[in-house]
């Protein structure tokens, strides 16, 4: 059962978190391109699609910690420092995505669509810069979690 849970956990991480990190990273330059070409419907459609990927996959990514905790429980490593640290970093990454990345993507998209009030280049440009920074933090947090999951310092599982 442990191998099954671990396999599902790893697959869920690859299938859900990978697309969010890529789409979130692509969003700021795509928003700037859409801003620079206001009549380019394809550029705006790209921004919409990237935001939708981030939103949908963020919800589905809840499966990652669920299966991760089930795996840790079956391995009896729930109290291991590397796992506790990984959990804290995962919570931080989720908070960055939910509180900083997704709302700013929504506001940039609303400004580009013209539904969020006046379309102001400075607002979209500033938001795109902020998104670049917050997305970088989000990606670094996931990179740290990935390293901890591979290295597992002090792990009792024999690795």
C-alpha atoms as a PDB file:
ATOM      1  CA  UNK A   1       0.000   0.000   0.000  1.00  0.00           C
ATOM      2  CA  UNK A   2       2.874   2.377   0.790  1.00  0.00           C
ATOM      3  CA  UNK A   3       4.290   2.042  -2.713  1.00  0.00           C
ATOM      4  CA  UNK A   4       0.887   2.798  -4.209  1.00  0.00           C
ATOM      5  CA  UNK A   5       0.438   5.899  -2.028  1.00  0.00           C
ATOM      6  CA  UNK A   6       3.948   7.087  -2.857  1.00  0.00           C
ATOM      7  CA  UNK A   7       3.379   6.557  -6.574  1.00  0.00           C
ATOM      8  CA  UNK A   8       0.103   8.508  -6.482  1.00  0.00           C
ATOM      9  CA  UNK A   9       1.747  11.255  -4.415  1.00  0.00           C
ATOM     10  CA  UNK A  10       4.629  11.651  -6.877  1.00  0.00           C
ATOM     11  CA  UNK A  11       2.349  11.489  -9.921  1.00  0.00           C
ATOM     12  CA  UNK A  12      -0.029  14.032  -8.400  1.00  0.00           C
ATOM     13  CA  UNK A  13       2.890  16.363  -7.713  1.00  0.00           C
ATOM     14  CA  UNK A  14       4.202  16.085 -11.265  1.00  0.00           C
ATOM     15  CA  UNK A  15       0.807  16.346 -12.946  1.00  0.00           C
ATOM     16  CA  UNK A  16      -0.602  19.186 -10.842  1.00  0.00           C
ATOM     17  CA  UNK A  17       2.209  21.300  -9.471  1.00  0.00           C
ATOM     18  CA  UNK A  18       4.289  21.236 -12.645  1.00  0.00           C
ATOM     19  CA  UNK A  19       1.623  22.959 -14.757  1.00  0.00           C
ATOM     20  CA  UNK A  20       0.972  25.576 -12.052  1.00  0.00           C
ATOM     21  CA  UNK A  21       4.650  26.497 -11.790  1.00  0.00           C
ATOM     22  CA  UNK A  22       5.029  26.741 -15.568  1.00  0.00           C
ATOM     23  CA  UNK A  23       1.763  28.626 -16.172  1.00  0.00           C
ATOM     24  CA  UNK A  24       2.397  31.019 -13.283  1.00  0.00           C
ATOM     25  CA  UNK A  25       5.881  31.716 -14.647  1.00  0.00           C
ATOM     26  CA  UNK A  26       4.533  32.345 -18.139  1.00  0.00           C
ATOM     27  CA  UNK A  27       1.768  34.675 -16.952  1.00  0.00           C
ATOM     28  CA  UNK A  28       3.763  37.904 -16.335  1.00  0.00           C
ATOM     29  CA  UNK A  29       5.458  38.068 -19.763  1.00  0.00           C
ATOM     30  CA  UNK A  30       2.209  37.041 -21.434  1.00  0.00           C
ATOM     31  CA  UNK A  31       0.335  39.816 -19.615  1.00  0.00           C
ATOM     32  CA  UNK A  32       2.965  42.335 -20.754  1.00  0.00           C
ATOM     33  CA  UNK A  33       2.607  41.101 -24.352  1.00  0.00           C
ATOM     34  CA  UNK A  34      -1.182  41.409 -24.149  1.00  0.00           C
ATOM     35  CA  UNK A  35      -0.811  44.919 -22.762  1.00  0.00           C
ATOM     36  CA  UNK A  36       1.583  45.907 -25.556  1.00  0.00           C
ATOM     37  CA  UNK A  37      -0.807  44.612 -28.232  1.00  0.00           C
ATOM     38  CA  UNK A  38      -4.319  45.592 -27.059  1.00  0.00           C
ATOM     39  CA  UNK A  39      -5.947  44.376 -30.276  1.00  0.00           C
ATOM     40  CA  UNK A  40      -4.303  40.947 -30.171  1.00  0.00           C
ATOM     41  CA  UNK A  41      -7.061  38.552 -29.146  1.00  0.00           C
ATOM     42  CA  UNK A  42      -4.653  35.613 -29.089  1.00  0.00           C
ATOM     43  CA  UNK A  43      -2.409  37.345 -26.542  1.00  0.00           C
ATOM     44  CA  UNK A  44      -5.360  37.975 -24.242  1.00  0.00           C
ATOM     45  CA  UNK A  45      -6.583  34.401 -24.731  1.00  0.00           C
ATOM     46  CA  UNK A  46      -3.141  33.157 -23.665  1.00  0.00           C
ATOM     47  CA  UNK A  47      -3.322  35.175 -20.447  1.00  0.00           C
ATOM     48  CA  UNK A  48      -6.819  33.844 -19.741  1.00  0.00           C
ATOM     49  CA  UNK A  49      -5.695  30.269 -20.360  1.00  0.00           C
ATOM     50  CA  UNK A  50      -2.643  30.583 -18.114  1.00  0.00           C
ATOM     51  CA  UNK A  51      -4.783  31.990 -15.301  1.00  0.00           C
ATOM     52  CA  UNK A  52      -7.332  29.197 -15.714  1.00  0.00           C
ATOM     53  CA  UNK A  53      -4.541  26.584 -15.589  1.00  0.00           C
ATOM     54  CA  UNK A  54      -3.235  28.107 -12.365  1.00  0.00           C
ATOM     55  CA  UNK A  55      -6.681  28.189 -10.751  1.00  0.00           C
ATOM     56  CA  UNK A  56      -7.809  24.718 -11.769  1.00  0.00           C
ATOM     57  CA  UNK A  57      -4.554  22.910 -11.095  1.00  0.00           C
ATOM     58  CA  UNK A  58      -4.142  24.686  -7.747  1.00  0.00           C
ATOM     59  CA  UNK A  59      -7.411  23.120  -6.599  1.00  0.00           C
ATOM     60  CA  UNK A  60      -6.516  19.684  -7.950  1.00  0.00           C
ATOM     61  CA  UNK A  61      -3.044  19.939  -6.329  1.00  0.00           C
ATOM     62  CA  UNK A  62      -4.680  19.436  -2.932  1.00  0.00           C
ATOM     63  CA  UNK A  63      -4.262  15.725  -3.725  1.00  0.00           C
ATOM     64  CA  UNK A  64      -0.484  16.101  -3.370  1.00  0.00           C
ATOM     65  CA  UNK A  65      -0.348  16.774   0.390  1.00  0.00           C
ATOM     66  CA  UNK A  66      -3.261  14.401   1.017  1.00  0.00           C
ATOM     67  CA  UNK A  67      -1.410  11.468  -0.533  1.00  0.00           C
ATOM     68  CA  UNK A  68       1.873  12.736   0.901  1.00  0.00           C
ATOM     69  CA  UNK A  69       0.513  12.625   4.429  1.00  0.00           C
ATOM     70  CA  UNK A  70      -0.981   9.194   3.829  1.00  0.00           C
ATOM     71  CA  UNK A  71       2.390   7.987   2.550  1.00  0.00           C
ATOM     72  CA  UNK A  72       4.250   9.530   5.503  1.00  0.00           C
ATOM     73  CA  UNK A  73       1.810   7.935   7.896  1.00  0.00           C
ATOM     74  CA  UNK A  74       2.317   4.503   6.350  1.00  0.00           C
ATOM     75  CA  UNK A  75       6.113   4.994   6.543  1.00  0.00           C
ATOM     76  CA  UNK A  76       5.826   6.204  10.172  1.00  0.00           C
ATOM     77  CA  UNK A  77       7.824   9.381   9.454  1.00  0.00           C
ATOM     78  CA  UNK A  78       5.198  12.008  10.302  1.00  0.00           C
ATOM     79  CA  UNK A  79       7.373  13.509  13.052  1.00  0.00           C
ATOM     80  CA  UNK A  80      10.582  13.589  11.008  1.00  0.00           C
ATOM     81  CA  UNK A  81      12.105  17.068  10.813  1.00  0.00           C
ATOM     82  CA  UNK A  82      12.535  16.911   7.024  1.00  0.00           C
ATOM     83  CA  UNK A  83       8.841  16.081   6.629  1.00  0.00           C
ATOM     84  CA  UNK A  84       7.666  18.749   9.067  1.00  0.00           C
ATOM     85  CA  UNK A  85       9.812  21.268   7.174  1.00  0.00           C
ATOM     86  CA  UNK A  86       8.381  20.056   3.864  1.00  0.00           C
ATOM     87  CA  UNK A  87       4.855  20.457   5.196  1.00  0.00           C
ATOM     88  CA  UNK A  88       5.611  24.001   6.375  1.00  0.00           C
ATOM     89  CA  UNK A  89       7.115  24.892   2.987  1.00  0.00           C
ATOM     90  CA  UNK A  90       4.122  23.358   1.216  1.00  0.00           C
ATOM     91  CA  UNK A  91       1.746  25.452   3.314  1.00  0.00           C
ATOM     92  CA  UNK A  92       3.841  28.538   2.552  1.00  0.00           C
ATOM     93  CA  UNK A  93       3.780  27.765  -1.193  1.00  0.00           C
ATOM     94  CA  UNK A  94       0.007  27.295  -1.107  1.00  0.00           C
ATOM     95  CA  UNK A  95      -0.375  30.583   0.765  1.00  0.00           C
ATOM     96  CA  UNK A  96       1.791  32.435  -1.761  1.00  0.00           C
ATOM     97  CA  UNK A  97      -0.256  31.001  -4.611  1.00  0.00           C
ATOM     98  CA  UNK A  98      -3.642  31.646  -3.005  1.00  0.00           C
ATOM     99  CA  UNK A  99      -2.946  35.041  -1.444  1.00  0.00           C
ATOM    100  CA  UNK A 100      -0.414  36.638  -3.758  1.00  0.00           C
ATOM    101  CA  UNK A 101      -0.294  35.012  -7.193  1.00  0.00           C
ATOM    102  CA  UNK A 102      -3.889  34.147  -8.102  1.00  0.00           C
ATOM    103  CA  UNK A 103      -5.464  37.450  -6.936  1.00  0.00           C
ATOM    104  CA  UNK A 104      -2.880  39.478  -8.865  1.00  0.00           C
ATOM    105  CA  UNK A 105      -3.395  37.357 -11.940  1.00  0.00           C
ATOM    106  CA  UNK A 106      -7.128  38.026 -11.648  1.00  0.00           C
ATOM    107  CA  UNK A 107      -6.628  41.777 -11.323  1.00  0.00           C
ATOM    108  CA  UNK A 108      -4.195  41.901 -14.257  1.00  0.00           C
ATOM    109  CA  UNK A 109      -6.621  39.902 -16.368  1.00  0.00           C
ATOM    110  CA  UNK A 110      -9.509  42.167 -15.369  1.00  0.00           C
ATOM    111  CA  UNK A 111      -7.465  45.231 -16.344  1.00  0.00           C
ATOM    112  CA  UNK A 112      -6.525  43.647 -19.668  1.00  0.00           C
ATOM    113  CA  UNK A 113     -10.158  42.679 -20.294  1.00  0.00           C
ATOM    114  CA  UNK A 114     -11.291  46.173 -19.375  1.00  0.00           C
ATOM    115  CA  UNK A 115     -13.631  44.762 -16.711  1.00  0.00           C
ATOM    116  CA  UNK A 116     -11.609  45.905 -13.718  1.00  0.00           C
ATOM    117  CA  UNK A 117     -12.044  49.609 -14.313  1.00  0.00           C
ATOM    118  CA  UNK A 118      -9.815  51.595 -16.584  1.00  0.00           C
ATOM    119  CA  UNK A 119      -7.092  49.667 -18.326  1.00  0.00           C
ATOM    120  CA  UNK A 120      -3.912  51.233 -17.041  1.00  0.00           C
ATOM    121  CA  UNK A 121      -0.542  50.158 -18.379  1.00  0.00           C
ATOM    122  CA  UNK A 122       1.171  51.076 -15.137  1.00  0.00           C
ATOM    123  CA  UNK A 123      -1.192  48.869 -13.109  1.00  0.00           C
ATOM    124  CA  UNK A 124      -0.724  45.848 -15.361  1.00  0.00           C
ATOM    125  CA  UNK A 125       3.021  46.449 -15.612  1.00  0.00           C
ATOM    126  CA  UNK A 126       3.410  46.759 -11.847  1.00  0.00           C
ATOM    127  CA  UNK A 127       1.255  43.703 -11.259  1.00  0.00           C
ATOM    128  CA  UNK A 128       3.287  41.708 -13.804  1.00  0.00           C
ATOM    129  CA  UNK A 129       6.500  42.631 -11.978  1.00  0.00           C
ATOM    130  CA  UNK A 130       4.994  41.634  -8.632  1.00  0.00           C
ATOM    131  CA  UNK A 131       3.767  38.387 -10.143  1.00  0.00           C
ATOM    132  CA  UNK A 132       7.247  37.618 -11.395  1.00  0.00           C
ATOM    133  CA  UNK A 133       8.597  37.994  -7.876  1.00  0.00           C
ATOM    134  CA  UNK A 134       5.797  36.076  -6.129  1.00  0.00           C
ATOM    135  CA  UNK A 135       5.894  33.307  -8.721  1.00  0.00           C
ATOM    136  CA  UNK A 136       9.640  33.023  -8.188  1.00  0.00           C
ATOM    137  CA  UNK A 137       9.078  32.628  -4.451  1.00  0.00           C
ATOM    138  CA  UNK A 138       6.372  30.028  -5.110  1.00  0.00           C
ATOM    139  CA  UNK A 139       8.690  28.076  -7.432  1.00  0.00           C
ATOM    140  CA  UNK A 140      11.608  28.259  -4.982  1.00  0.00           C
ATOM    141  CA  UNK A 141       9.414  26.916  -2.191  1.00  0.00           C
ATOM    142  CA  UNK A 142       8.429  23.957  -4.353  1.00  0.00           C
ATOM    143  CA  UNK A 143      12.039  23.391  -5.352  1.00  0.00           C
ATOM    144  CA  UNK A 144      12.989  23.255  -1.667  1.00  0.00           C
ATOM    145  CA  UNK A 145      10.180  20.779  -0.960  1.00  0.00           C
ATOM    146  CA  UNK A 146      11.327  18.633  -3.885  1.00  0.00           C
ATOM    147  CA  UNK A 147      14.914  18.598  -2.618  1.00  0.00           C
ATOM    148  CA  UNK A 148      13.739  17.647   0.881  1.00  0.00           C
ATOM    149  CA  UNK A 149      11.591  14.858  -0.549  1.00  0.00           C
ATOM    150  CA  UNK A 150      14.591  13.467  -2.432  1.00  0.00           C
ATOM    151  CA  UNK A 151      17.355  13.975   0.145  1.00  0.00           C
ATOM    152  CA  UNK A 152      15.297  13.443   3.329  1.00  0.00           C
ATOM    153  CA  UNK A 153      17.982  14.402   5.826  1.00  0.00           C
ATOM    154  CA  UNK A 154      17.718  12.232   8.879  1.00  0.00           C
ATOM    155  CA  UNK A 155      15.185   9.980   7.208  1.00  0.00           C
ATOM    156  CA  UNK A 156      14.586   6.618   8.813  1.00  0.00           C
ATOM    157  CA  UNK A 157      13.471   5.018   5.544  1.00  0.00           C
ATOM    158  CA  UNK A 158      16.959   3.822   4.637  1.00  0.00           C
ATOM    159  CA  UNK A 159      17.904   6.433   2.062  1.00  0.00           C
END
